[in-house]
Structures are given as C-alpha cells and as structure tokens.
Amino acid sequence: MVLVIQALVAAVLYYLVGQSPLDPGSWPRFVAAGAPFALFPVAYLLKLFTVPPILAKEAEVRHQEALSKLRGEVEVLSADRNDLARRIEVLQAPPSPPIRDPDGVYQYGRFVGKVHMPNPLPHQSVVHFVSMTTSGDFAAAATFEYRDYVLKISQWNSRNVVSLGGNTTVQLGNVLCHIEGRTQPGN
C-alpha cells in the first residue's frame, strides 16, 4: 500500500513539475518525482529506531502489572491454603474425650452408674458413698472409675435390684470403696 501511495505522489509531482517552464526531460523533474521514495525510507528508519524501545517499555509495564496481579493472587491463595491447613488440622485432631459426669461411675470406658453423697477419704485410702445406683452392666467385683480414682467396692449395707422393661438397676446403700489407684490423664 505504501508503495502505491509513493508511486501516486511521484506521478503527481512528475506531472506538476512537467508543467513548469523547465525542460520536461531535465533532472529537477526526476528529483522531484523521486523525493517521496527517498523520504519514506528515512521515515521508516526513524520508526525503526524509535518505536521498538517504546514498545519494549509498554511491554515491560504490562509485564510488571501482570506480575503484580499474579503476586497478589498467590498471596490470597497462600492465605487460603494456610486457612485450609488449619481447618484440616482441627478436623483431623483426635476428638477430645467426652466430659464425664463428676458423680458418674465408669467401667471399661463406659458409664455404668452414679454415686450419691460421696465422701472421699484419701488419707485412709477409701471413698464412702451414701448410695450408688448402677446399671445391670456394672460388675461389682471389678474395679471402676470415679472422678480420678480407681476404686473397688469393699462393702455395702443394702442392695436393691429393680428390673423394669428389660432394664436392670441396682441400688447399693452405704458403700465403702478402697482406692486402688488413680486414673491416667485423658481417661
């Protein structure tokens, strides 16, 4: 396209210079017609040396903007990853042991009964209960846990068994237990 424009300009100049009083075959007519062809390479050379640095600066600015945006996105994703890691740790953490009833009786890790009016006497290595209500799962001859004590029944004064609808409840009165030891933390 540029060459077509140059040729058109040269033809017009050649024609216009030909209308002057100068001789139609003289050299000014050819110089005037060839001038556009000589000026366009100068313009191209000027563009060749000025445009690439401008384009390089624009590309660098775009690159820095994109890099800044990516760094921001990386920071957001990193924060999200850290938040997810904390949540996963919480979800994967072993469950905390269930809160035990302070007056509950536990055997083999299960709730099997409840005591009433406890009176611990650690200096005598005994615990006295006014009464103890247990389920049918309670094994009176085995040790059991009460608070942080491991106890074994030494004696009781009364025993009442009630079976109702397939559920058995044993009520022991005036129970004296020997302290066998202490429970391990977390039990």
C-alpha atoms as a PDB file:
ATOM      1  CA  MET A   1       0.000   0.000   0.000  1.00  0.00           C
ATOM      2  CA  VAL A   2       2.826   2.362   0.878  1.00  0.00           C
ATOM      3  CA  LEU A   3       4.490   1.796  -2.469  1.00  0.00           C
ATOM      4  CA  VAL A   4       1.226   2.585  -4.261  1.00  0.00           C
ATOM      5  CA  ILE A   5       0.977   5.888  -2.352  1.00  0.00           C
ATOM      6  CA  GLN A   6       4.601   6.678  -3.142  1.00  0.00           C
ATOM      7  CA  ALA A   7       4.051   5.945  -6.817  1.00  0.00           C
ATOM      8  CA  LEU A   8       0.957   8.146  -6.863  1.00  0.00           C
ATOM      9  CA  VAL A   9       2.796  11.026  -5.172  1.00  0.00           C
ATOM     10  CA  ALA A  10       5.719  10.609  -7.581  1.00  0.00           C
ATOM     11  CA  ALA A  11       3.385  10.622 -10.614  1.00  0.00           C
ATOM     12  CA  VAL A  12       1.615  13.785  -9.398  1.00  0.00           C
ATOM     13  CA  LEU A  13       4.934  15.534  -8.696  1.00  0.00           C
ATOM     14  CA  TYR A  14       6.318  14.406 -12.053  1.00  0.00           C
ATOM     15  CA  TYR A  15       3.242  15.787 -13.794  1.00  0.00           C
ATOM     16  CA  LEU A  16       3.254  19.072 -11.822  1.00  0.00           C
ATOM     17  CA  VAL A  17       6.962  19.665 -12.348  1.00  0.00           C
ATOM     18  CA  GLY A  18       6.419  18.895 -16.049  1.00  0.00           C
ATOM     19  CA  GLN A  19       4.018  21.857 -16.262  1.00  0.00           C
ATOM     20  CA  SER A  20       6.738  24.248 -15.159  1.00  0.00           C
ATOM     21  CA  PRO A  21       8.809  26.223 -17.637  1.00  0.00           C
ATOM     22  CA  LEU A  22      11.691  23.837 -17.093  1.00  0.00           C
ATOM     23  CA  ASP A  23      12.519  21.363 -19.763  1.00  0.00           C
ATOM     24  CA  PRO A  24      10.372  18.211 -19.371  1.00  0.00           C
ATOM     25  CA  GLY A  25      13.403  15.927 -19.572  1.00  0.00           C
ATOM     26  CA  SER A  26      15.542  17.847 -17.116  1.00  0.00           C
ATOM     27  CA  TRP A  27      16.855  16.393 -13.895  1.00  0.00           C
ATOM     28  CA  PRO A  28      14.739  18.551 -11.446  1.00  0.00           C
ATOM     29  CA  ARG A  29      11.656  16.801 -12.687  1.00  0.00           C
ATOM     30  CA  PHE A  30      13.170  13.378 -11.851  1.00  0.00           C
ATOM     31  CA  VAL A  31      14.490  14.593  -8.482  1.00  0.00           C
ATOM     32  CA  ALA A  32      11.061  15.973  -7.563  1.00  0.00           C
ATOM     33  CA  ALA A  33       9.390  12.725  -8.615  1.00  0.00           C
ATOM     34  CA  GLY A  34      11.932  10.620  -6.696  1.00  0.00           C
ATOM     35  CA  ALA A  35      11.788  12.704  -3.491  1.00  0.00           C
ATOM     36  CA  PRO A  36       8.944  10.706  -1.896  1.00  0.00           C
ATOM     37  CA  PHE A  37      10.865   7.492  -2.473  1.00  0.00           C
ATOM     38  CA  ALA A  38      13.854   8.975  -0.660  1.00  0.00           C
ATOM     39  CA  LEU A  39      11.799  10.393   2.250  1.00  0.00           C
ATOM     40  CA  PHE A  40       9.865   7.233   3.060  1.00  0.00           C
ATOM     41  CA  PRO A  41      12.993   5.171   3.923  1.00  0.00           C
ATOM     42  CA  VAL A  42      14.108   7.965   6.248  1.00  0.00           C
ATOM     43  CA  ALA A  43      10.716   7.826   7.972  1.00  0.00           C
ATOM     44  CA  TYR A  44      10.982   4.031   8.204  1.00  0.00           C
ATOM     45  CA  LEU A  45      14.471   4.236   9.703  1.00  0.00           C
ATOM     46  CA  LEU A  46      13.230   6.802  12.207  1.00  0.00           C
ATOM     47  CA  LYS A  47      10.414   4.455  13.196  1.00  0.00           C
ATOM     48  CA  LEU A  48      12.811   1.502  13.287  1.00  0.00           C
ATOM     49  CA  PHE A  49      14.970   3.189  15.927  1.00  0.00           C
ATOM     50  CA  THR A  50      12.247   4.884  17.997  1.00  0.00           C
ATOM     51  CA  VAL A  51       9.264   2.519  18.047  1.00  0.00           C
ATOM     52  CA  PRO A  52      10.869  -0.724  19.384  1.00  0.00           C
ATOM     53  CA  PRO A  53      12.114   0.931  22.622  1.00  0.00           C
ATOM     54  CA  ILE A  54       8.653   2.454  23.148  1.00  0.00           C
ATOM     55  CA  LEU A  55       7.003  -0.913  22.562  1.00  0.00           C
ATOM     56  CA  ALA A  56       9.533  -2.572  24.904  1.00  0.00           C
ATOM     57  CA  LYS A  57       8.682  -0.070  27.673  1.00  0.00           C
ATOM     58  CA  GLU A  58       4.957  -0.667  27.194  1.00  0.00           C
ATOM     59  CA  ALA A  59       5.522  -4.437  27.254  1.00  0.00           C
ATOM     60  CA  GLU A  60       7.585  -4.102  30.457  1.00  0.00           C
ATOM     61  CA  VAL A  61       4.812  -2.064  32.114  1.00  0.00           C
ATOM     62  CA  ARG A  62       2.213  -4.683  31.117  1.00  0.00           C
ATOM     63  CA  HIS A  63       4.531  -7.422  32.340  1.00  0.00           C
ATOM     64  CA  GLN A  64       5.024  -5.699  35.727  1.00  0.00           C
ATOM     65  CA  GLU A  65       1.261  -5.161  36.091  1.00  0.00           C
ATOM     66  CA  ALA A  66       0.566  -8.820  35.315  1.00  0.00           C
ATOM     67  CA  LEU A  67       3.342  -9.910  37.683  1.00  0.00           C
ATOM     68  CA  SER A  68       1.951  -7.713  40.456  1.00  0.00           C
ATOM     69  CA  LYS A  69      -1.535  -9.128  39.903  1.00  0.00           C
ATOM     70  CA  LEU A  70      -0.188 -12.691  40.000  1.00  0.00           C
ATOM     71  CA  ARG A  71       1.723 -11.997  43.221  1.00  0.00           C
ATOM     72  CA  GLY A  72      -1.480 -10.688  44.778  1.00  0.00           C
ATOM     73  CA  GLU A  73      -3.355 -13.806  43.690  1.00  0.00           C
ATOM     74  CA  VAL A  74      -0.542 -16.009  45.036  1.00  0.00           C
ATOM     75  CA  GLU A  75      -0.769 -14.246  48.421  1.00  0.00           C
ATOM     76  CA  VAL A  76      -4.541 -14.784  48.512  1.00  0.00           C
ATOM     77  CA  LEU A  77      -4.159 -18.443  47.548  1.00  0.00           C
ATOM     78  CA  SER A  78      -1.393 -18.904  50.112  1.00  0.00           C
ATOM     79  CA  ALA A  79      -3.605 -17.423  52.834  1.00  0.00           C
ATOM     80  CA  ASP A  80      -6.455 -19.700  51.713  1.00  0.00           C
ATOM     81  CA  ARG A  81      -4.115 -22.701  51.753  1.00  0.00           C
ATOM     82  CA  ASN A  82      -2.933 -21.861  55.275  1.00  0.00           C
ATOM     83  CA  ASP A  83      -6.526 -21.428  56.428  1.00  0.00           C
ATOM     84  CA  LEU A  84      -7.472 -24.783  54.901  1.00  0.00           C
ATOM     85  CA  ALA A  85      -4.444 -26.428  56.519  1.00  0.00           C
ATOM     86  CA  ARG A  86      -5.548 -25.107  59.926  1.00  0.00           C
ATOM     87  CA  ARG A  87      -9.086 -26.352  59.326  1.00  0.00           C
ATOM     88  CA  ILE A  88      -7.802 -29.775  58.257  1.00  0.00           C
ATOM     89  CA  GLU A  89      -5.675 -29.976  61.416  1.00  0.00           C
ATOM     90  CA  VAL A  90      -8.727 -29.199  63.501  1.00  0.00           C
ATOM     91  CA  LEU A  91     -10.784 -31.817  61.669  1.00  0.00           C
ATOM     92  CA  GLN A  92      -8.053 -34.451  61.861  1.00  0.00           C
ATOM     93  CA  ALA A  93      -7.231 -33.814  65.511  1.00  0.00           C
ATOM     94  CA  PRO A  94      -8.244 -36.651  67.758  1.00  0.00           C
ATOM     95  CA  PRO A  95     -11.559 -35.937  69.366  1.00  0.00           C
ATOM     96  CA  SER A  96     -11.386 -34.701  72.892  1.00  0.00           C
ATOM     97  CA  PRO A  97     -12.601 -37.224  75.409  1.00  0.00           C
ATOM     98  CA  PRO A  98     -16.213 -36.793  76.387  1.00  0.00           C
ATOM     99  CA  ILE A  99     -16.814 -34.804  79.517  1.00  0.00           C
ATOM    100  CA  ARG A 100     -17.544 -37.228  82.296  1.00  0.00           C
ATOM    101  CA  ASP A 101     -20.261 -36.791  84.845  1.00  0.00           C
ATOM    102  CA  PRO A 102     -18.419 -35.883  88.083  1.00  0.00           C
ATOM    103  CA  ASP A 103     -20.710 -38.247  90.024  1.00  0.00           C
ATOM    104  CA  GLY A 104     -20.588 -40.948  87.340  1.00  0.00           C
ATOM    105  CA  VAL A 105     -19.246 -44.468  87.711  1.00  0.00           C
ATOM    106  CA  TYR A 106     -17.297 -45.817  84.716  1.00  0.00           C
ATOM    107  CA  GLN A 107     -16.176 -49.337  83.956  1.00  0.00           C
ATOM    108  CA  TYR A 108     -14.223 -50.311  80.842  1.00  0.00           C
ATOM    109  CA  GLY A 109     -14.634 -46.777  79.496  1.00  0.00           C
ATOM    110  CA  ARG A 110     -18.455 -46.809  79.712  1.00  0.00           C
ATOM    111  CA  PHE A 111     -20.852 -45.037  82.026  1.00  0.00           C
ATOM    112  CA  VAL A 112     -22.451 -47.699  84.276  1.00  0.00           C
ATOM    113  CA  GLY A 113     -23.849 -45.775  87.229  1.00  0.00           C
ATOM    114  CA  LYS A 114     -23.955 -42.798  89.533  1.00  0.00           C
ATOM    115  CA  VAL A 115     -22.991 -42.131  93.152  1.00  0.00           C
ATOM    116  CA  HIS A 116     -24.843 -40.043  95.712  1.00  0.00           C
ATOM    117  CA  MET A 117     -23.278 -38.001  98.515  1.00  0.00           C
ATOM    118  CA  PRO A 118     -19.621 -39.018  98.033  1.00  0.00           C
ATOM    119  CA  ASN A 119     -17.124 -38.642 100.869  1.00  0.00           C
ATOM    120  CA  PRO A 120     -13.531 -39.221  99.672  1.00  0.00           C
ATOM    121  CA  LEU A 121     -11.068 -40.013 102.460  1.00  0.00           C
ATOM    122  CA  PRO A 122      -7.746 -40.296 100.565  1.00  0.00           C
ATOM    123  CA  HIS A 123      -5.629 -40.356 103.747  1.00  0.00           C
ATOM    124  CA  GLN A 124      -7.461 -43.612 104.677  1.00  0.00           C
ATOM    125  CA  SER A 125      -7.392 -44.858 101.049  1.00  0.00           C
ATOM    126  CA  VAL A 126     -11.191 -45.126 100.965  1.00  0.00           C
ATOM    127  CA  VAL A 127     -14.195 -43.356  99.455  1.00  0.00           C
ATOM    128  CA  HIS A 128     -17.615 -43.603 101.109  1.00  0.00           C
ATOM    129  CA  PHE A 129     -20.909 -43.179  99.208  1.00  0.00           C
ATOM    130  CA  VAL A 130     -24.317 -42.881 100.861  1.00  0.00           C
ATOM    131  CA  SER A 131     -25.717 -44.711  97.839  1.00  0.00           C
ATOM    132  CA  MET A 132     -24.720 -45.938  94.418  1.00  0.00           C
ATOM    133  CA  THR A 133     -27.103 -46.548  91.512  1.00  0.00           C
ATOM    134  CA  THR A 134     -25.744 -48.784  88.770  1.00  0.00           C
ATOM    135  CA  SER A 135     -26.964 -50.411  85.606  1.00  0.00           C
ATOM    136  CA  GLY A 136     -27.096 -54.137  85.009  1.00  0.00           C
ATOM    137  CA  ASP A 137     -23.727 -53.800  83.196  1.00  0.00           C
ATOM    138  CA  PHE A 138     -21.890 -52.926  86.419  1.00  0.00           C
ATOM    139  CA  ALA A 139     -19.569 -55.670  87.705  1.00  0.00           C
ATOM    140  CA  ALA A 140     -19.392 -55.145  91.496  1.00  0.00           C
ATOM    141  CA  ALA A 141     -16.337 -57.374  91.913  1.00  0.00           C
ATOM    142  CA  ALA A 142     -14.259 -55.443  89.334  1.00  0.00           C
ATOM    143  CA  THR A 143     -12.572 -52.057  89.718  1.00  0.00           C
ATOM    144  CA  PHE A 144     -14.333 -48.946  88.450  1.00  0.00           C
ATOM    145  CA  GLU A 145     -13.505 -45.298  87.938  1.00  0.00           C
ATOM    146  CA  TYR A 146     -14.957 -42.399  89.861  1.00  0.00           C
ATOM    147  CA  ARG A 147     -13.531 -38.936  89.102  1.00  0.00           C
ATOM    148  CA  ASP A 148      -9.763 -39.569  89.096  1.00  0.00           C
ATOM    149  CA  TYR A 149      -9.883 -42.588  91.388  1.00  0.00           C
ATOM    150  CA  VAL A 150      -9.761 -46.275  90.529  1.00  0.00           C
ATOM    151  CA  LEU A 151     -11.949 -47.930  93.170  1.00  0.00           C
ATOM    152  CA  LYS A 152     -13.048 -51.376  94.252  1.00  0.00           C
ATOM    153  CA  ILE A 153     -16.083 -51.975  96.436  1.00  0.00           C
ATOM    154  CA  SER A 154     -15.097 -53.284  99.885  1.00  0.00           C
ATOM    155  CA  GLN A 155     -18.585 -53.468 101.383  1.00  0.00           C
ATOM    156  CA  TRP A 156     -22.168 -52.193 101.212  1.00  0.00           C
ATOM    157  CA  ASN A 157     -25.027 -52.365 103.685  1.00  0.00           C
ATOM    158  CA  SER A 158     -28.033 -52.696 101.410  1.00  0.00           C
ATOM    159  CA  ARG A 159     -28.738 -53.863  97.878  1.00  0.00           C
ATOM    160  CA  ASN A 160     -31.935 -53.337  95.922  1.00  0.00           C
ATOM    161  CA  VAL A 161     -32.400 -54.714  92.366  1.00  0.00           C
ATOM    162  CA  VAL A 162     -35.145 -53.305  90.139  1.00  0.00           C
ATOM    163  CA  SER A 163     -35.945 -54.750  86.693  1.00  0.00           C
ATOM    164  CA  LEU A 164     -38.361 -52.763  84.604  1.00  0.00           C
ATOM    165  CA  GLY A 165     -38.959 -53.338  80.890  1.00  0.00           C
ATOM    166  CA  GLY A 166     -35.734 -55.300  80.420  1.00  0.00           C
ATOM    167  CA  ASN A 167     -33.584 -52.680  82.177  1.00  0.00           C
ATOM    168  CA  THR A 168     -31.972 -53.682  85.458  1.00  0.00           C
ATOM    169  CA  THR A 169     -30.948 -51.103  88.055  1.00  0.00           C
ATOM    170  CA  VAL A 170     -29.018 -51.956  91.199  1.00  0.00           C
ATOM    171  CA  GLN A 171     -29.180 -49.597  94.175  1.00  0.00           C
ATOM    172  CA  LEU A 172     -26.389 -50.079  96.743  1.00  0.00           C
ATOM    173  CA  GLY A 173     -26.542 -48.286 100.092  1.00  0.00           C
ATOM    174  CA  ASN A 174     -23.765 -47.121 102.432  1.00  0.00           C
ATOM    175  CA  VAL A 175     -20.985 -48.197 100.030  1.00  0.00           C
ATOM    176  CA  LEU A 176     -17.339 -48.249 101.145  1.00  0.00           C
ATOM    177  CA  CYS A 177     -14.707 -48.462  98.364  1.00  0.00           C
ATOM    178  CA  HIS A 178     -10.954 -48.991  98.588  1.00  0.00           C
ATOM    179  CA  ILE A 179      -8.771 -46.644  96.455  1.00  0.00           C
ATOM    180  CA  GLU A 180      -6.784 -48.910  94.115  1.00  0.00           C
ATOM    181  CA  GLY A 181      -5.052 -46.072  92.286  1.00  0.00           C
ATOM    182  CA  ARG A 182      -5.537 -43.026  90.111  1.00  0.00           C
ATOM    183  CA  THR A 183      -6.801 -42.853  86.527  1.00  0.00           C
ATOM    184  CA  GLN A 184      -4.484 -41.921  83.693  1.00  0.00           C
ATOM    185  CA  PRO A 185      -4.925 -38.381  82.287  1.00  0.00           C
ATOM    186  CA  GLY A 186      -7.481 -38.376  79.464  1.00  0.00           C
ATOM    187  CA  ASN A 187      -9.470 -41.302  80.886  1.00  0.00           C
END
